[in-house]
Amino acid sequence: MYNDIKLEKGLYNLSGKSFTAALEELDPTSAYTGTPLEKLDAFERQLKRFNIRINGQDCDCVEKFFSTTETAVLFPEFVTRCIRNGFDETVLNSICAAKTVCSSSQYLGCVLDDTTVAYAPTEEAAKLPEATVREGSTATVLSKFGRLISASYEAVRKQRLDVFGVMLRSVGVRLAVTVVKEAVDVLADSITPITAASLTYDALAALYGEFDCFDMTTVITSPELASKIAAMEQLKDCSANSDGKLILPFGSELIKTSAADDDTIIGIDRNFALEFITSTDLVMETDKLIDRQLDQMTVSITCGFRRITSDAVKVLTITSGT
């Protein structure tokens, strides 16, 4: 049971396992089916065990994690989860078709060559047109994105955990925006754009019309262009989806991000366009946090992107203002 788990630093250093995964092996969530604890994961059960409240009216302060040597072991996971929550709140999940975990700093994916012969009826006994899957000729080099956070224990020990968590989530959001910038660059790279002298609804419709086999499920643009799109007369009756994203009249989700340029609008079929490649999850130095040496907290992720299907990406360039 969760009350009997021995918490120690070594749980962070098991090869190929996160701290929560290590805890789940010792205390499987499946064992709590039908109990009041079935909705908690192994980490959350440890918070309950030690009565550490990370939100709500009676939220504890940072120093609660350091009341015992065992509860101190939980602190790095709290920090990591807060930053990861901020990272995951951004648009990455809305633009990536697949996520690949790679064990090295370079990734060589496969390429589908399916454009040399058009899809058409085949005569009886004739050879079927061929689509070829081959190894790519260019590797995706993964980049490291990270942040060093300076915060002494004395400065944060009396800070409420919910407020401290919001600060950490904001770091995750900013980190993700930098990562999204690379994703946007990969999507638009070597794609021949259509052009328009100004941003109009007709220009957006022309971008939609560029898609043939695939659909324009998502439109990625800067906050400035997104605000102008939202103000168009043709969108006055449009509504947002359950995530608060504006849905354009032709069914595309409007994604605004500061990672996009102010003269470029990218349309994608999110189900086919982009692969997210990572060699690590968010990585946090744990020993210093456990020992209350908070002067320098570092968090990083090593990742990259690869366009899977070029026909699932179209680009509109505004040539002279909006």
C-alpha atoms as a PDB file:
ATOM      1  CA  MET A   1       0.000   0.000   0.000  1.00  0.00           C
ATOM      2  CA  TYR A   2       1.015   3.603  -0.552  1.00  0.00           C
ATOM      3  CA  ASN A   3       1.643   4.136   3.175  1.00  0.00           C
ATOM      4  CA  ASP A   4       4.457   1.574   3.127  1.00  0.00           C
ATOM      5  CA  ILE A   5       6.485   2.929   0.189  1.00  0.00           C
ATOM      6  CA  LYS A   6      10.081   3.913   1.029  1.00  0.00           C
ATOM      7  CA  LEU A   7      10.825   7.183  -0.729  1.00  0.00           C
ATOM      8  CA  GLU A   8      14.452   7.730  -1.730  1.00  0.00           C
ATOM      9  CA  LYS A   9      16.505   9.630  -4.294  1.00  0.00           C
ATOM     10  CA  GLY A  10      17.258   6.497  -6.275  1.00  0.00           C
ATOM     11  CA  LEU A  11      13.685   6.424  -7.609  1.00  0.00           C
ATOM     12  CA  TYR A  12      14.654   9.312  -9.909  1.00  0.00           C
ATOM     13  CA  ASN A  13      17.614   7.500 -11.416  1.00  0.00           C
ATOM     14  CA  LEU A  14      16.086   4.261 -12.685  1.00  0.00           C
ATOM     15  CA  SER A  15      16.959   3.799 -16.355  1.00  0.00           C
ATOM     16  CA  GLY A  16      14.089   4.512 -18.710  1.00  0.00           C
ATOM     17  CA  LYS A  17      11.609   5.317 -15.939  1.00  0.00           C
ATOM     18  CA  SER A  18      10.193   8.513 -14.588  1.00  0.00           C
ATOM     19  CA  PHE A  19       9.737   9.016 -10.863  1.00  0.00           C
ATOM     20  CA  THR A  20       5.995   8.401 -11.161  1.00  0.00           C
ATOM     21  CA  ALA A  21       6.560   5.243 -13.237  1.00  0.00           C
ATOM     22  CA  ALA A  22       8.899   3.942 -10.536  1.00  0.00           C
ATOM     23  CA  LEU A  23       6.282   4.696  -7.886  1.00  0.00           C
ATOM     24  CA  GLU A  24       3.561   3.005  -9.949  1.00  0.00           C
ATOM     25  CA  GLU A  25       5.564  -0.214 -10.009  1.00  0.00           C
ATOM     26  CA  LEU A  26       5.752  -0.155  -6.226  1.00  0.00           C
ATOM     27  CA  ASP A  27       2.168   1.010  -5.769  1.00  0.00           C
ATOM     28  CA  PRO A  28       0.008   0.187  -8.848  1.00  0.00           C
ATOM     29  CA  THR A  29      -3.047   2.352  -9.362  1.00  0.00           C
ATOM     30  CA  SER A  30      -4.953  -0.736 -10.521  1.00  0.00           C
ATOM     31  CA  ALA A  31      -4.917  -1.985  -6.918  1.00  0.00           C
ATOM     32  CA  TYR A  32      -7.225   0.890  -5.911  1.00  0.00           C
ATOM     33  CA  THR A  33     -10.060   0.214  -8.350  1.00  0.00           C
ATOM     34  CA  GLY A  34     -13.369   0.738  -6.603  1.00  0.00           C
ATOM     35  CA  THR A  35     -11.798   2.682  -3.717  1.00  0.00           C
ATOM     36  CA  PRO A  36     -11.811   6.434  -2.987  1.00  0.00           C
ATOM     37  CA  LEU A  37      -8.169   6.563  -4.186  1.00  0.00           C
ATOM     38  CA  GLU A  38      -8.739   5.144  -7.682  1.00  0.00           C
ATOM     39  CA  LYS A  39      -8.568   8.592  -9.335  1.00  0.00           C
ATOM     40  CA  LEU A  40      -5.152   9.377  -7.841  1.00  0.00           C
ATOM     41  CA  ASP A  41      -1.863   8.278  -9.367  1.00  0.00           C
ATOM     42  CA  ALA A  42       1.051   6.987  -7.281  1.00  0.00           C
ATOM     43  CA  PHE A  43       2.564  10.454  -6.763  1.00  0.00           C
ATOM     44  CA  GLU A  44      -0.755  11.973  -5.721  1.00  0.00           C
ATOM     45  CA  ARG A  45      -1.245   9.168  -3.210  1.00  0.00           C
ATOM     46  CA  GLN A  46       2.086  10.103  -1.639  1.00  0.00           C
ATOM     47  CA  LEU A  47       0.930  13.702  -1.307  1.00  0.00           C
ATOM     48  CA  LYS A  48      -2.161  12.400   0.465  1.00  0.00           C
ATOM     49  CA  ARG A  49      -0.037  10.134   2.655  1.00  0.00           C
ATOM     50  CA  PHE A  50       1.982  13.069   3.955  1.00  0.00           C
ATOM     51  CA  ASN A  51      -0.954  15.509   3.907  1.00  0.00           C
ATOM     52  CA  ILE A  52       0.744  17.890   1.464  1.00  0.00           C
ATOM     53  CA  ARG A  53      -1.924  20.166  -0.010  1.00  0.00           C
ATOM     54  CA  ILE A  54      -0.807  21.780  -3.257  1.00  0.00           C
ATOM     55  CA  ASN A  55      -3.963  23.810  -3.922  1.00  0.00           C
ATOM     56  CA  GLY A  56      -7.183  24.954  -2.308  1.00  0.00           C
ATOM     57  CA  GLN A  57      -7.963  27.220   0.614  1.00  0.00           C
ATOM     58  CA  ASP A  58      -5.666  25.309   2.985  1.00  0.00           C
ATOM     59  CA  CYS A  59      -2.788  25.041   0.532  1.00  0.00           C
ATOM     60  CA  ASP A  60       0.596  24.384   2.145  1.00  0.00           C
ATOM     61  CA  CYS A  61       3.816  26.328   1.650  1.00  0.00           C
ATOM     62  CA  VAL A  62       6.957  25.077  -0.094  1.00  0.00           C
ATOM     63  CA  GLU A  63       8.607  24.233   3.233  1.00  0.00           C
ATOM     64  CA  LYS A  64       6.031  21.468   3.831  1.00  0.00           C
ATOM     65  CA  PHE A  65       7.896  19.314   1.296  1.00  0.00           C
ATOM     66  CA  PHE A  66      11.008  19.571   3.443  1.00  0.00           C
ATOM     67  CA  SER A  67       9.475  18.554   6.747  1.00  0.00           C
ATOM     68  CA  THR A  68      11.028  15.055   6.441  1.00  0.00           C
ATOM     69  CA  THR A  69      13.685  13.413   4.271  1.00  0.00           C
ATOM     70  CA  GLU A  70      11.005  11.351   2.528  1.00  0.00           C
ATOM     71  CA  THR A  71       8.727  14.254   1.666  1.00  0.00           C
ATOM     72  CA  ALA A  72      11.733  16.138   0.252  1.00  0.00           C
ATOM     73  CA  VAL A  73      12.034  13.369  -2.340  1.00  0.00           C
ATOM     74  CA  LEU A  74       8.598  14.376  -3.676  1.00  0.00           C
ATOM     75  CA  PHE A  75       9.535  17.998  -4.373  1.00  0.00           C
ATOM     76  CA  PRO A  76      11.347  17.568  -7.739  1.00  0.00           C
ATOM     77  CA  GLU A  77       8.350  15.700  -9.127  1.00  0.00           C
ATOM     78  CA  PHE A  78       6.063  18.537  -8.002  1.00  0.00           C
ATOM     79  CA  VAL A  79       8.296  21.076  -9.778  1.00  0.00           C
ATOM     80  CA  THR A  80       8.516  18.944 -12.921  1.00  0.00           C
ATOM     81  CA  ARG A  81       4.748  18.416 -13.069  1.00  0.00           C
ATOM     82  CA  CYS A  82       4.047  22.126 -12.765  1.00  0.00           C
ATOM     83  CA  ILE A  83       6.437  22.986 -15.587  1.00  0.00           C
ATOM     84  CA  ARG A  84       5.135  20.098 -17.704  1.00  0.00           C
ATOM     85  CA  ASN A  85       1.551  21.271 -17.196  1.00  0.00           C
ATOM     86  CA  GLY A  86       2.518  24.682 -18.538  1.00  0.00           C
ATOM     87  CA  PHE A  87       4.395  23.081 -21.430  1.00  0.00           C
ATOM     88  CA  ASP A  88       1.415  20.890 -22.333  1.00  0.00           C
ATOM     89  CA  GLU A  89      -1.055  23.802 -22.209  1.00  0.00           C
ATOM     90  CA  THR A  90       0.421  25.238 -25.410  1.00  0.00           C
ATOM     91  CA  VAL A  91      -0.409  24.436 -29.026  1.00  0.00           C
ATOM     92  CA  LEU A  92       1.941  21.468 -29.511  1.00  0.00           C
ATOM     93  CA  ASN A  93      -0.835  18.934 -28.969  1.00  0.00           C
ATOM     94  CA  SER A  94      -2.915  20.730 -31.597  1.00  0.00           C
ATOM     95  CA  ILE A  95      -0.362  20.583 -34.410  1.00  0.00           C
ATOM     96  CA  CYS A  96       1.503  17.262 -34.027  1.00  0.00           C
ATOM     97  CA  ALA A  97       0.277  14.078 -35.707  1.00  0.00           C
ATOM     98  CA  ALA A  98       2.654  11.750 -33.863  1.00  0.00           C
ATOM     99  CA  LYS A  99       5.253  11.709 -31.106  1.00  0.00           C
ATOM    100  CA  THR A 100       8.413   9.625 -31.369  1.00  0.00           C
ATOM    101  CA  VAL A 101      10.859   8.888 -28.563  1.00  0.00           C
ATOM    102  CA  CYS A 102      14.405   8.683 -29.931  1.00  0.00           C
ATOM    103  CA  SER A 103      17.396   7.394 -27.976  1.00  0.00           C
ATOM    104  CA  SER A 104      19.979   9.586 -29.727  1.00  0.00           C
ATOM    105  CA  SER A 105      20.475  13.233 -30.648  1.00  0.00           C
ATOM    106  CA  GLN A 106      19.674  12.564 -34.309  1.00  0.00           C
ATOM    107  CA  TYR A 107      16.654  10.889 -35.868  1.00  0.00           C
ATOM    108  CA  LEU A 108      16.421   9.375 -39.336  1.00  0.00           C
ATOM    109  CA  GLY A 109      12.823   8.723 -40.200  1.00  0.00           C
ATOM    110  CA  CYS A 110      11.332   7.079 -43.266  1.00  0.00           C
ATOM    111  CA  VAL A 111       9.904   8.865 -46.304  1.00  0.00           C
ATOM    112  CA  LEU A 112       6.879   7.933 -48.414  1.00  0.00           C
ATOM    113  CA  ASP A 113       7.278   8.518 -52.161  1.00  0.00           C
ATOM    114  CA  ASP A 114       3.736   8.403 -53.471  1.00  0.00           C
ATOM    115  CA  THR A 115       3.535  11.207 -56.024  1.00  0.00           C
ATOM    116  CA  THR A 116       5.191   9.898 -59.193  1.00  0.00           C
ATOM    117  CA  VAL A 117       2.044   8.196 -60.522  1.00  0.00           C
ATOM    118  CA  ALA A 118      -1.472   9.476 -60.023  1.00  0.00           C
ATOM    119  CA  TYR A 119      -4.059   7.315 -58.305  1.00  0.00           C
ATOM    120  CA  ALA A 120      -6.290   5.958 -61.071  1.00  0.00           C
ATOM    121  CA  PRO A 121      -8.051   2.743 -62.125  1.00  0.00           C
ATOM    122  CA  THR A 122      -5.670  -0.029 -63.150  1.00  0.00           C
ATOM    123  CA  GLU A 123      -6.331  -2.199 -66.169  1.00  0.00           C
ATOM    124  CA  GLU A 124      -6.833  -5.909 -65.587  1.00  0.00           C
ATOM    125  CA  ALA A 125      -3.504  -7.790 -65.315  1.00  0.00           C
ATOM    126  CA  ALA A 126      -1.581  -4.489 -65.337  1.00  0.00           C
ATOM    127  CA  LYS A 127       0.946  -3.692 -62.658  1.00  0.00           C
ATOM    128  CA  LEU A 128      -0.366  -1.549 -59.842  1.00  0.00           C
ATOM    129  CA  PRO A 129       1.250   1.864 -59.392  1.00  0.00           C
ATOM    130  CA  GLU A 130       3.920   1.743 -56.709  1.00  0.00           C
ATOM    131  CA  ALA A 131       4.369   3.792 -53.558  1.00  0.00           C
ATOM    132  CA  THR A 132       7.793   3.507 -51.976  1.00  0.00           C
ATOM    133  CA  VAL A 133       8.765   3.828 -48.338  1.00  0.00           C
ATOM    134  CA  ARG A 134      12.468   4.416 -47.872  1.00  0.00           C
ATOM    135  CA  GLU A 135      14.832   5.658 -45.227  1.00  0.00           C
ATOM    136  CA  GLY A 136      15.212   9.416 -45.202  1.00  0.00           C
ATOM    137  CA  SER A 137      18.409  10.970 -46.516  1.00  0.00           C
ATOM    138  CA  THR A 138      18.540  13.793 -43.967  1.00  0.00           C
ATOM    139  CA  ALA A 139      18.538  13.277 -40.224  1.00  0.00           C
ATOM    140  CA  THR A 140      16.583  15.494 -37.866  1.00  0.00           C
ATOM    141  CA  VAL A 141      19.021  16.941 -35.350  1.00  0.00           C
ATOM    142  CA  LEU A 142      17.411  17.333 -31.947  1.00  0.00           C
ATOM    143  CA  SER A 143      17.966  20.579 -30.067  1.00  0.00           C
ATOM    144  CA  LYS A 144      18.086  21.169 -26.340  1.00  0.00           C
ATOM    145  CA  PHE A 145      15.710  23.740 -24.917  1.00  0.00           C
ATOM    146  CA  GLY A 146      15.919  24.690 -21.270  1.00  0.00           C
ATOM    147  CA  ARG A 147      15.872  27.234 -18.510  1.00  0.00           C
ATOM    148  CA  LEU A 148      17.856  27.861 -15.365  1.00  0.00           C
ATOM    149  CA  ILE A 149      15.653  29.115 -12.522  1.00  0.00           C
ATOM    150  CA  SER A 150      17.311  30.918  -9.654  1.00  0.00           C
ATOM    151  CA  ALA A 151      15.388  30.790  -6.372  1.00  0.00           C
ATOM    152  CA  SER A 152      16.881  30.354  -2.923  1.00  0.00           C
ATOM    153  CA  TYR A 153      15.107  28.177  -0.388  1.00  0.00           C
ATOM    154  CA  GLU A 154      14.773  31.121   1.973  1.00  0.00           C
ATOM    155  CA  ALA A 155      13.028  33.126  -0.740  1.00  0.00           C
ATOM    156  CA  VAL A 156      10.389  30.482  -1.513  1.00  0.00           C
ATOM    157  CA  ARG A 157       9.978  28.441   1.682  1.00  0.00           C
ATOM    158  CA  LYS A 158       6.945  30.474   2.825  1.00  0.00           C
ATOM    159  CA  GLN A 159       5.426  30.716  -0.645  1.00  0.00           C
ATOM    160  CA  ARG A 160       2.102  28.933  -1.115  1.00  0.00           C
ATOM    161  CA  LEU A 161       2.473  25.881  -3.324  1.00  0.00           C
ATOM    162  CA  ASP A 162      -0.374  26.882  -5.649  1.00  0.00           C
ATOM    163  CA  VAL A 163       1.198  30.287  -6.346  1.00  0.00           C
ATOM    164  CA  PHE A 164       4.663  28.778  -6.739  1.00  0.00           C
ATOM    165  CA  GLY A 165       3.127  26.223  -9.087  1.00  0.00           C
ATOM    166  CA  VAL A 166       1.668  28.989 -11.274  1.00  0.00           C
ATOM    167  CA  MET A 167       5.127  30.565 -11.558  1.00  0.00           C
ATOM    168  CA  LEU A 168       6.581  27.221 -12.637  1.00  0.00           C
ATOM    169  CA  ARG A 169       3.767  26.647 -15.138  1.00  0.00           C
ATOM    170  CA  SER A 170       4.569  30.002 -16.725  1.00  0.00           C
ATOM    171  CA  VAL A 171       8.144  28.800 -17.265  1.00  0.00           C
ATOM    172  CA  GLY A 172       6.737  25.729 -19.019  1.00  0.00           C
ATOM    173  CA  VAL A 173       4.548  27.906 -21.255  1.00  0.00           C
ATOM    174  CA  ARG A 174       7.478  30.091 -22.326  1.00  0.00           C
ATOM    175  CA  LEU A 175       9.679  27.064 -22.885  1.00  0.00           C
ATOM    176  CA  ALA A 176       7.038  25.506 -25.111  1.00  0.00           C
ATOM    177  CA  VAL A 177       6.666  28.684 -27.200  1.00  0.00           C
ATOM    178  CA  THR A 178      10.344  28.413 -28.107  1.00  0.00           C
ATOM    179  CA  VAL A 179       9.847  24.770 -29.057  1.00  0.00           C
ATOM    180  CA  VAL A 180       6.760  25.647 -31.127  1.00  0.00           C
ATOM    181  CA  LYS A 181       8.848  28.180 -33.060  1.00  0.00           C
ATOM    182  CA  GLU A 182      10.985  25.313 -34.358  1.00  0.00           C
ATOM    183  CA  ALA A 183       7.856  23.336 -35.234  1.00  0.00           C
ATOM    184  CA  VAL A 184       6.450  26.254 -37.243  1.00  0.00           C
ATOM    185  CA  ASP A 185       9.751  26.707 -39.094  1.00  0.00           C
ATOM    186  CA  VAL A 186       9.819  23.011 -40.028  1.00  0.00           C
ATOM    187  CA  LEU A 187       6.219  23.107 -41.281  1.00  0.00           C
ATOM    188  CA  ALA A 188       6.823  26.082 -43.592  1.00  0.00           C
ATOM    189  CA  ASP A 189      10.308  25.086 -44.783  1.00  0.00           C
ATOM    190  CA  SER A 190      10.488  24.651 -48.586  1.00  0.00           C
ATOM    191  CA  ILE A 191       6.723  24.958 -49.019  1.00  0.00           C
ATOM    192  CA  THR A 192       5.887  27.193 -51.996  1.00  0.00           C
ATOM    193  CA  PRO A 193       3.350  29.696 -50.654  1.00  0.00           C
ATOM    194  CA  ILE A 194       0.379  31.288 -52.286  1.00  0.00           C
ATOM    195  CA  THR A 195       0.362  35.059 -51.868  1.00  0.00           C
ATOM    196  CA  ALA A 196      -2.132  37.810 -51.194  1.00  0.00           C
ATOM    197  CA  ALA A 197      -1.625  41.554 -51.096  1.00  0.00           C
ATOM    198  CA  SER A 198      -3.611  41.803 -47.853  1.00  0.00           C
ATOM    199  CA  LEU A 199      -5.345  39.581 -45.346  1.00  0.00           C
ATOM    200  CA  THR A 200      -8.904  38.996 -46.503  1.00  0.00           C
ATOM    201  CA  TYR A 201     -11.453  36.238 -46.110  1.00  0.00           C
ATOM    202  CA  ASP A 202     -10.998  35.443 -49.794  1.00  0.00           C
ATOM    203  CA  ALA A 203      -7.280  34.857 -49.143  1.00  0.00           C
ATOM    204  CA  LEU A 204      -8.105  32.440 -46.321  1.00  0.00           C
ATOM    205  CA  ALA A 205     -10.584  30.647 -48.555  1.00  0.00           C
ATOM    206  CA  ALA A 206      -7.889  30.381 -51.245  1.00  0.00           C
ATOM    207  CA  LEU A 207      -5.583  28.732 -48.701  1.00  0.00           C
ATOM    208  CA  TYR A 208      -8.365  26.283 -47.848  1.00  0.00           C
ATOM    209  CA  GLY A 209      -8.785  25.557 -51.541  1.00  0.00           C
ATOM    210  CA  GLU A 210      -5.115  24.567 -51.861  1.00  0.00           C
ATOM    211  CA  PHE A 211      -5.812  21.302 -50.031  1.00  0.00           C
ATOM    212  CA  ASP A 212      -6.624  18.337 -52.235  1.00  0.00           C
ATOM    213  CA  CYS A 213      -6.403  14.885 -50.626  1.00  0.00           C
ATOM    214  CA  PHE A 214      -6.034  16.314 -47.156  1.00  0.00           C
ATOM    215  CA  ASP A 215      -8.136  18.744 -45.172  1.00  0.00           C
ATOM    216  CA  MET A 216      -7.190  22.030 -43.545  1.00  0.00           C
ATOM    217  CA  THR A 217      -8.001  21.094 -39.954  1.00  0.00           C
ATOM    218  CA  THR A 218      -5.800  23.784 -38.412  1.00  0.00           C
ATOM    219  CA  VAL A 219      -4.690  27.325 -39.212  1.00  0.00           C
ATOM    220  CA  ILE A 220      -1.556  28.598 -37.462  1.00  0.00           C
ATOM    221  CA  THR A 221      -0.896  32.317 -37.326  1.00  0.00           C
ATOM    222  CA  SER A 222       0.503  35.117 -35.174  1.00  0.00           C
ATOM    223  CA  PRO A 223      -1.608  36.858 -32.526  1.00  0.00           C
ATOM    224  CA  GLU A 224      -1.772  39.979 -34.717  1.00  0.00           C
ATOM    225  CA  LEU A 225      -3.141  38.131 -37.734  1.00  0.00           C
ATOM    226  CA  ALA A 226      -5.384  35.973 -35.558  1.00  0.00           C
ATOM    227  CA  SER A 227      -7.065  39.077 -34.138  1.00  0.00           C
ATOM    228  CA  LYS A 228      -7.694  40.393 -37.653  1.00  0.00           C
ATOM    229  CA  ILE A 229      -9.135  37.056 -38.749  1.00  0.00           C
ATOM    230  CA  ALA A 230     -11.410  36.967 -35.707  1.00  0.00           C
ATOM    231  CA  ALA A 231     -12.671  40.465 -36.585  1.00  0.00           C
ATOM    232  CA  MET A 232     -13.727  39.514 -40.123  1.00  0.00           C
ATOM    233  CA  GLU A 233     -17.414  39.964 -40.900  1.00  0.00           C
ATOM    234  CA  GLN A 234     -17.639  36.384 -42.185  1.00  0.00           C
ATOM    235  CA  LEU A 235     -16.658  35.071 -38.742  1.00  0.00           C
ATOM    236  CA  LYS A 236     -19.187  36.959 -36.655  1.00  0.00           C
ATOM    237  CA  ASP A 237     -21.330  33.854 -36.173  1.00  0.00           C
ATOM    238  CA  CYS A 238     -18.433  31.453 -35.587  1.00  0.00           C
ATOM    239  CA  SER A 239     -18.042  29.829 -32.186  1.00  0.00           C
ATOM    240  CA  ALA A 240     -15.217  28.289 -30.188  1.00  0.00           C
ATOM    241  CA  ASN A 241     -14.710  24.593 -29.537  1.00  0.00           C
ATOM    242  CA  SER A 242     -14.467  22.989 -26.089  1.00  0.00           C
ATOM    243  CA  ASP A 243     -10.830  24.122 -25.801  1.00  0.00           C
ATOM    244  CA  GLY A 244     -11.709  27.737 -26.489  1.00  0.00           C
ATOM    245  CA  LYS A 245     -10.216  27.712 -30.007  1.00  0.00           C
ATOM    246  CA  LEU A 246     -12.078  29.646 -32.708  1.00  0.00           C
ATOM    247  CA  ILE A 247     -13.449  27.441 -35.507  1.00  0.00           C
ATOM    248  CA  LEU A 248     -13.398  29.058 -38.950  1.00  0.00           C
ATOM    249  CA  PRO A 249     -16.402  28.665 -41.309  1.00  0.00           C
ATOM    250  CA  PHE A 250     -14.668  25.891 -43.257  1.00  0.00           C
ATOM    251  CA  GLY A 251     -14.075  23.878 -40.069  1.00  0.00           C
ATOM    252  CA  SER A 252     -10.448  24.793 -39.329  1.00  0.00           C
ATOM    253  CA  GLU A 253      -9.279  25.430 -35.786  1.00  0.00           C
ATOM    254  CA  LEU A 254      -7.536  28.801 -35.468  1.00  0.00           C
ATOM    255  CA  ILE A 255      -4.259  28.521 -33.520  1.00  0.00           C
ATOM    256  CA  LYS A 256      -2.497  31.735 -32.540  1.00  0.00           C
ATOM    257  CA  THR A 257       1.113  31.658 -31.426  1.00  0.00           C
ATOM    258  CA  SER A 258       3.889  34.212 -31.173  1.00  0.00           C
ATOM    259  CA  ALA A 259       6.099  31.601 -32.851  1.00  0.00           C
ATOM    260  CA  ALA A 260       4.444  32.441 -36.212  1.00  0.00           C
ATOM    261  CA  ASP A 261       5.496  35.384 -38.386  1.00  0.00           C
ATOM    262  CA  ASP A 262       3.174  38.343 -38.911  1.00  0.00           C
ATOM    263  CA  ASP A 263       3.152  37.870 -42.700  1.00  0.00           C
ATOM    264  CA  THR A 264       2.549  34.114 -42.798  1.00  0.00           C
ATOM    265  CA  ILE A 265      -0.460  31.854 -42.267  1.00  0.00           C
ATOM    266  CA  ILE A 266       0.099  28.096 -42.235  1.00  0.00           C
ATOM    267  CA  GLY A 267      -2.708  25.655 -42.917  1.00  0.00           C
ATOM    268  CA  ILE A 268      -2.180  22.003 -41.978  1.00  0.00           C
ATOM    269  CA  ASP A 269      -3.967  18.713 -41.688  1.00  0.00           C
ATOM    270  CA  ARG A 270      -2.872  17.978 -38.151  1.00  0.00           C
ATOM    271  CA  ASN A 271      -3.439  14.256 -38.655  1.00  0.00           C
ATOM    272  CA  PHE A 272      -0.694  13.992 -41.282  1.00  0.00           C
ATOM    273  CA  ALA A 273       1.637  16.988 -41.148  1.00  0.00           C
ATOM    274  CA  LEU A 274       4.153  16.894 -38.304  1.00  0.00           C
ATOM    275  CA  GLU A 275       6.139  14.472 -36.148  1.00  0.00           C
ATOM    276  CA  PHE A 276       7.363  15.518 -32.698  1.00  0.00           C
ATOM    277  CA  ILE A 277      10.630  13.765 -31.840  1.00  0.00           C
ATOM    278  CA  THR A 278      12.136  13.783 -28.370  1.00  0.00           C
ATOM    279  CA  SER A 279      14.992  11.980 -26.689  1.00  0.00           C
ATOM    280  CA  THR A 280      13.939  13.065 -23.201  1.00  0.00           C
ATOM    281  CA  ASP A 281      10.908  14.112 -21.284  1.00  0.00           C
ATOM    282  CA  LEU A 282      11.332  17.304 -19.307  1.00  0.00           C
ATOM    283  CA  VAL A 283      14.542  16.772 -17.312  1.00  0.00           C
ATOM    284  CA  MET A 284      15.059  18.284 -13.873  1.00  0.00           C
ATOM    285  CA  GLU A 285      18.127  18.144 -11.651  1.00  0.00           C
ATOM    286  CA  THR A 286      16.789  16.309  -8.621  1.00  0.00           C
ATOM    287  CA  ASP A 287      19.548  15.988  -6.029  1.00  0.00           C
ATOM    288  CA  LYS A 288      19.925  19.724  -5.431  1.00  0.00           C
ATOM    289  CA  LEU A 289      16.175  20.180  -5.052  1.00  0.00           C
ATOM    290  CA  ILE A 290      15.916  17.363  -2.544  1.00  0.00           C
ATOM    291  CA  ASP A 291      18.784  18.852  -0.535  1.00  0.00           C
ATOM    292  CA  ARG A 292      17.113  22.297  -0.531  1.00  0.00           C
ATOM    293  CA  GLN A 293      19.823  23.763  -2.750  1.00  0.00           C
ATOM    294  CA  LEU A 294      17.348  25.712  -4.852  1.00  0.00           C
ATOM    295  CA  ASP A 295      19.693  28.470  -5.949  1.00  0.00           C
ATOM    296  CA  GLN A 296      19.775  27.010  -9.454  1.00  0.00           C
ATOM    297  CA  MET A 297      16.992  24.770 -10.761  1.00  0.00           C
ATOM    298  CA  THR A 298      17.452  23.593 -14.342  1.00  0.00           C
ATOM    299  CA  VAL A 299      14.795  22.141 -16.599  1.00  0.00           C
ATOM    300  CA  SER A 300      15.317  21.061 -20.197  1.00  0.00           C
ATOM    301  CA  ILE A 301      13.929  19.016 -23.047  1.00  0.00           C
ATOM    302  CA  THR A 302      15.739  17.689 -26.116  1.00  0.00           C
ATOM    303  CA  CYS A 303      13.487  17.523 -29.141  1.00  0.00           C
ATOM    304  CA  GLY A 304      12.947  18.278 -32.810  1.00  0.00           C
ATOM    305  CA  PHE A 305      10.353  18.083 -35.579  1.00  0.00           C
ATOM    306  CA  ARG A 306       9.986  16.435 -38.967  1.00  0.00           C
ATOM    307  CA  ARG A 307       7.364  17.106 -41.599  1.00  0.00           C
ATOM    308  CA  ILE A 308       5.719  13.798 -42.450  1.00  0.00           C
ATOM    309  CA  THR A 309       3.482  14.686 -45.397  1.00  0.00           C
ATOM    310  CA  SER A 310       4.262  17.847 -47.332  1.00  0.00           C
ATOM    311  CA  ASP A 311       0.879  17.820 -49.109  1.00  0.00           C
ATOM    312  CA  ALA A 312      -0.731  18.236 -45.686  1.00  0.00           C
ATOM    313  CA  VAL A 313       0.869  21.688 -45.301  1.00  0.00           C
ATOM    314  CA  LYS A 314       0.004  24.857 -47.245  1.00  0.00           C
ATOM    315  CA  VAL A 315       1.255  28.400 -46.678  1.00  0.00           C
ATOM    316  CA  LEU A 316      -0.258  31.840 -47.325  1.00  0.00           C
ATOM    317  CA  THR A 317       2.074  34.852 -47.418  1.00  0.00           C
ATOM    318  CA  ILE A 318       0.741  38.386 -47.003  1.00  0.00           C
ATOM    319  CA  THR A 319       2.916  40.582 -49.194  1.00  0.00           C
ATOM    320  CA  SER A 320       1.976  44.118 -48.198  1.00  0.00           C
ATOM    321  CA  GLY A 321       0.414  44.618 -44.810  1.00  0.00           C
ATOM    322  CA  THR A 322      -2.735  43.204 -43.314  1.00  0.00           C
END
